[in-house]
Amino acid sequence: MASKHRVLITGASGLLGRAIFKQFCNSDKWEVLGLAHSRATGALKKVNLLDFEETERVVKEFKPHVLIHSAAERRPDIVENDEETSMKLNVEATKALVSTINELNSGLEIPGHFMLYISTDYVFDGTNPPYKPLDQPNPLNKYGKSKLAGEQVMKMYPADGGILRVPILYGNVEYLKESAVTGLFNREIYAWFNSRCYPWPPSPLALGGG
């Protein structure tokens, strides 16, 4: 019997991460490792991505064929008021992960380890949606700026990898503020939001299409 491919998912307790984790766990072709921190329960492994040495150790021990980095700090109050912590998670943790994947691929004739960085359409200013991959980014808030910086880190390393920009997500949330959509339910600006943004459920993304 052929050995299973291994996939590691960061942020596996989050809205998108849960959907991705579930889809991979439903397949008998993958060995799945989901990482979480404050909400690490059940099958998820508790790892603080800001502890770069621990993160590197976990990745090197598991040796994932695919690493999906969906963890991010997107809470507006944290991003705007604690920029240092946000940049550590959205940029420096990304650097630690992609550099580790790069090390695992070192010396291989064909790269055997791939990293997918989950970014956001917040890297754009929202004036001319929908956007194409090569459109010029122009983030307006600190969250968008930090995710764009994470994209730039990905491009600095020769590791086999990719960047996926996702729109605002909604779905089965564990609490209202987990999604920017449900977080607006009690606000009058919901109608404005719905006319300017393109919210999307996480399940089609986890399945690989719309």
Protein backbone atom coordinates (compact mmCIF):
# COMPACT_ATOMS: atom_id res chain seq x y z
CA MET A 1 0.00 0.00 0.00
CA ALA A 2 1.35 3.40 -0.99
CA SER A 3 2.16 5.74 1.87
CA LYS A 4 -0.13 8.68 2.42
CA HIS A 5 0.78 12.22 1.51
CA ARG A 6 1.11 14.52 4.51
CA VAL A 7 -0.61 17.90 4.84
CA LEU A 8 -0.09 20.41 7.66
CA ILE A 9 -2.66 23.15 8.22
CA THR A 10 -1.99 26.16 10.42
CA GLY A 11 -4.94 28.01 11.88
CA ALA A 12 -6.93 24.76 11.76
CA SER A 13 -9.33 26.02 14.43
CA GLY A 14 -10.33 29.06 12.38
CA LEU A 15 -13.24 29.50 9.98
CA LEU A 16 -11.31 28.55 6.83
CA GLY A 17 -8.85 26.26 8.58
CA ARG A 18 -11.66 24.11 10.01
CA ALA A 19 -13.16 23.62 6.55
CA ILE A 20 -9.79 22.69 5.04
CA PHE A 21 -8.97 20.35 7.93
CA LYS A 22 -12.33 18.61 7.59
CA GLN A 23 -11.95 18.05 3.86
CA PHE A 24 -8.50 16.50 4.18
CA CYS A 25 -9.59 14.34 7.12
CA ASN A 26 -12.42 12.99 4.97
CA SER A 27 -9.87 11.60 2.51
CA ASP A 28 -8.02 8.35 3.08
CA LYS A 29 -5.16 9.60 0.91
CA TRP A 30 -3.81 12.14 3.39
CA GLU A 31 -2.19 12.13 6.79
CA VAL A 32 -3.38 15.39 8.34
CA LEU A 33 -1.84 17.56 11.06
CA GLY A 34 -3.84 20.59 12.14
CA LEU A 35 -2.21 23.28 14.25
CA ALA A 36 -4.00 25.71 16.54
CA HIS A 37 -3.19 27.74 19.62
CA SER A 38 -5.90 29.32 21.75
CA ARG A 39 -8.60 26.95 20.42
CA ALA A 40 -6.57 23.76 20.09
CA THR A 41 -9.04 20.99 20.93
CA GLY A 42 -9.67 17.44 19.83
CA ALA A 43 -7.34 16.29 17.06
CA LEU A 44 -5.60 19.66 16.73
CA LYS A 45 -2.02 20.10 17.95
CA LYS A 46 -1.38 23.12 20.16
CA VAL A 47 1.47 25.14 18.68
CA ASN A 48 2.33 28.80 19.17
CA LEU A 49 3.42 29.99 15.73
CA LEU A 50 5.18 32.92 17.39
CA ASP A 51 7.58 30.42 18.90
CA PHE A 52 9.59 30.03 15.73
CA GLU A 53 11.86 27.29 17.07
CA GLU A 54 8.90 25.15 18.08
CA THR A 55 7.19 25.81 14.75
CA GLU A 56 10.30 24.79 12.81
CA ARG A 57 10.65 21.62 14.88
CA VAL A 58 7.03 20.57 14.30
CA VAL A 59 7.27 21.15 10.54
CA LYS A 60 10.58 19.32 10.20
CA GLU A 61 9.33 16.36 12.23
CA PHE A 62 6.11 16.02 10.21
CA LYS A 63 7.74 16.83 6.83
CA PRO A 64 4.50 17.85 5.11
CA HIS A 65 4.21 17.43 1.37
CA VAL A 66 1.76 20.35 1.55
CA LEU A 67 1.68 23.11 4.16
CA ILE A 68 -1.39 25.36 4.11
CA HIS A 69 -0.79 28.50 6.14
CA SER A 70 -4.25 29.79 7.01
CA ALA A 71 -3.40 31.22 10.43
CA ALA A 72 -3.53 35.01 10.61
CA GLU A 73 -4.37 37.87 12.92
CA ARG A 74 -7.34 39.59 11.31
CA ARG A 75 -9.24 40.96 14.33
CA PRO A 76 -9.44 44.74 13.69
CA ASP A 77 -8.87 45.79 17.30
CA ILE A 78 -5.72 43.67 17.58
CA VAL A 79 -4.35 44.52 14.15
CA GLU A 80 -4.85 48.25 14.56
CA ASN A 81 -3.77 48.54 18.21
CA ASP A 82 -1.07 45.86 18.48
CA GLU A 83 0.75 46.08 15.18
CA GLU A 84 3.86 44.33 16.52
CA THR A 85 2.02 41.13 17.44
CA SER A 86 0.04 41.19 14.20
CA MET A 87 3.16 41.53 12.09
CA LYS A 88 4.81 38.66 13.96
CA LEU A 89 1.97 36.31 13.08
CA ASN A 90 1.11 37.57 9.61
CA VAL A 91 4.67 38.15 8.40
CA GLU A 92 7.40 36.71 10.62
CA ALA A 93 5.61 33.40 11.23
CA THR A 94 5.12 33.14 7.47
CA LYS A 95 8.84 33.68 7.02
CA ALA A 96 9.63 30.94 9.56
CA LEU A 97 7.33 28.50 7.78
CA VAL A 98 8.45 29.18 4.22
CA SER A 99 12.13 29.11 5.20
CA THR A 100 11.58 25.71 6.83
CA ILE A 101 9.85 24.38 3.71
CA ASN A 102 12.76 25.77 1.71
CA GLU A 103 15.17 23.82 3.93
CA LEU A 104 13.19 20.61 3.45
CA ASN A 105 13.41 21.08 -0.32
CA SER A 106 17.13 21.82 -0.20
CA GLY A 107 19.10 19.25 -2.17
CA LEU A 108 16.03 17.71 -3.78
CA GLU A 109 16.11 17.56 -7.57
CA ILE A 110 12.33 17.97 -7.59
CA PRO A 111 10.78 19.90 -4.66
CA GLY A 112 8.76 17.57 -2.48
CA HIS A 113 7.26 20.14 -0.14
CA PHE A 114 4.79 22.86 -1.14
CA MET A 115 3.52 25.80 0.92
CA LEU A 116 0.27 27.62 0.21
CA TYR A 117 -0.01 31.04 1.85
CA ILE A 118 -3.59 32.17 2.43
CA SER A 119 -3.79 35.89 1.76
CA THR A 120 -6.73 38.24 1.34
CA ASP A 121 -8.38 40.63 -1.09
CA TYR A 122 -7.75 43.30 1.57
CA VAL A 123 -4.44 43.81 -0.25
CA PHE A 124 -6.56 45.86 -2.68
CA ASP A 125 -8.34 49.14 -2.02
CA GLY A 126 -11.78 47.91 -3.11
CA THR A 127 -12.33 50.57 -5.75
CA ASN A 128 -12.43 48.27 -8.78
CA PRO A 129 -13.44 44.70 -7.92
CA PRO A 130 -13.31 41.89 -8.80
CA TYR A 131 -9.50 41.76 -8.98
CA LYS A 132 -7.13 39.66 -11.05
CA PRO A 133 -3.89 38.09 -9.69
CA LEU A 134 -1.61 40.63 -11.38
CA ASP A 135 -3.60 43.75 -10.42
CA GLN A 136 -1.64 46.29 -8.39
CA PRO A 137 -2.21 45.92 -4.62
CA ASN A 138 -3.08 48.98 -2.58
CA PRO A 139 -4.05 47.97 0.97
CA LEU A 140 -5.85 50.60 3.01
CA ASN A 141 -5.62 49.10 6.50
CA LYS A 142 -2.95 47.46 8.62
CA TYR A 143 -4.40 43.99 8.12
CA GLY A 144 -4.13 44.27 4.34
CA LYS A 145 -0.65 45.73 4.62
CA SER A 146 0.51 42.89 6.87
CA LYS A 147 -0.88 40.23 4.53
CA LEU A 148 0.76 41.89 1.54
CA ALA A 149 4.04 41.86 3.48
CA GLY A 150 3.49 38.13 3.99
CA GLU A 151 3.07 37.71 0.24
CA GLN A 152 6.35 39.52 -0.31
CA VAL A 153 8.08 37.16 2.14
CA MET A 154 6.76 34.19 0.14
CA LYS A 155 8.23 35.63 -3.04
CA MET A 156 11.66 36.09 -1.43
CA TYR A 157 12.20 32.36 -0.94
CA PRO A 158 12.85 29.82 -3.70
CA ALA A 159 10.62 27.27 -1.97
CA ASP A 160 7.92 25.61 -4.02
CA GLY A 161 4.83 27.54 -3.00
CA GLY A 162 1.86 29.67 -3.92
CA ILE A 163 -0.37 32.49 -2.74
CA LEU A 164 -4.16 32.32 -2.58
CA ARG A 165 -6.07 35.54 -1.98
CA VAL A 166 -9.48 34.84 -0.51
CA PRO A 167 -12.38 37.26 -0.09
CA ILE A 168 -14.24 37.85 3.16
CA LEU A 169 -15.51 34.49 4.42
CA TYR A 170 -18.71 33.49 6.15
CA GLY A 171 -20.14 30.20 7.33
CA ASN A 172 -20.65 28.16 10.50
CA VAL A 173 -18.93 30.48 12.95
CA GLU A 174 -18.12 29.63 16.55
CA TYR A 175 -18.75 33.24 17.54
CA LEU A 176 -20.14 36.21 15.57
CA LYS A 177 -16.89 38.13 15.24
CA GLU A 178 -15.13 35.12 13.69
CA SER A 179 -16.38 36.35 10.31
CA ALA A 180 -16.47 39.95 9.17
CA VAL A 181 -19.91 39.18 7.71
CA THR A 182 -21.60 37.92 10.88
CA GLY A 183 -19.73 40.55 12.86
CA LEU A 184 -21.75 43.18 10.99
CA PHE A 185 -25.17 41.69 11.59
CA ASN A 186 -26.06 44.26 14.22
CA ARG A 187 -24.77 47.23 12.27
CA GLU A 188 -26.54 49.49 9.84
CA ILE A 189 -23.58 49.38 7.45
CA TYR A 190 -24.30 45.76 6.51
CA ALA A 191 -26.16 46.89 3.37
CA TRP A 192 -23.19 49.03 2.32
CA PHE A 193 -20.80 46.17 3.02
CA ASN A 194 -22.83 43.72 0.97
CA SER A 195 -22.79 46.04 -2.03
CA ARG A 196 -19.02 46.62 -1.94
CA CYS A 197 -17.57 43.24 -0.95
CA TYR A 198 -17.68 39.69 -2.22
CA PRO A 199 -18.14 37.40 0.81
CA TRP A 200 -17.56 33.71 0.14
CA PRO A 201 -18.18 30.53 2.14
CA PRO A 202 -15.03 28.58 3.13
CA SER A 203 -16.23 25.12 2.02
CA PRO A 204 -15.84 25.69 -1.77
CA LEU A 205 -12.33 27.02 -1.14
CA ALA A 206 -11.47 23.92 0.87
CA LEU A 207 -12.86 21.76 -1.93
CA GLY A 208 -10.75 23.62 -4.49
CA GLY A 209 -13.33 25.58 -6.45
CA GLY A 210 -16.44 27.71 -6.51
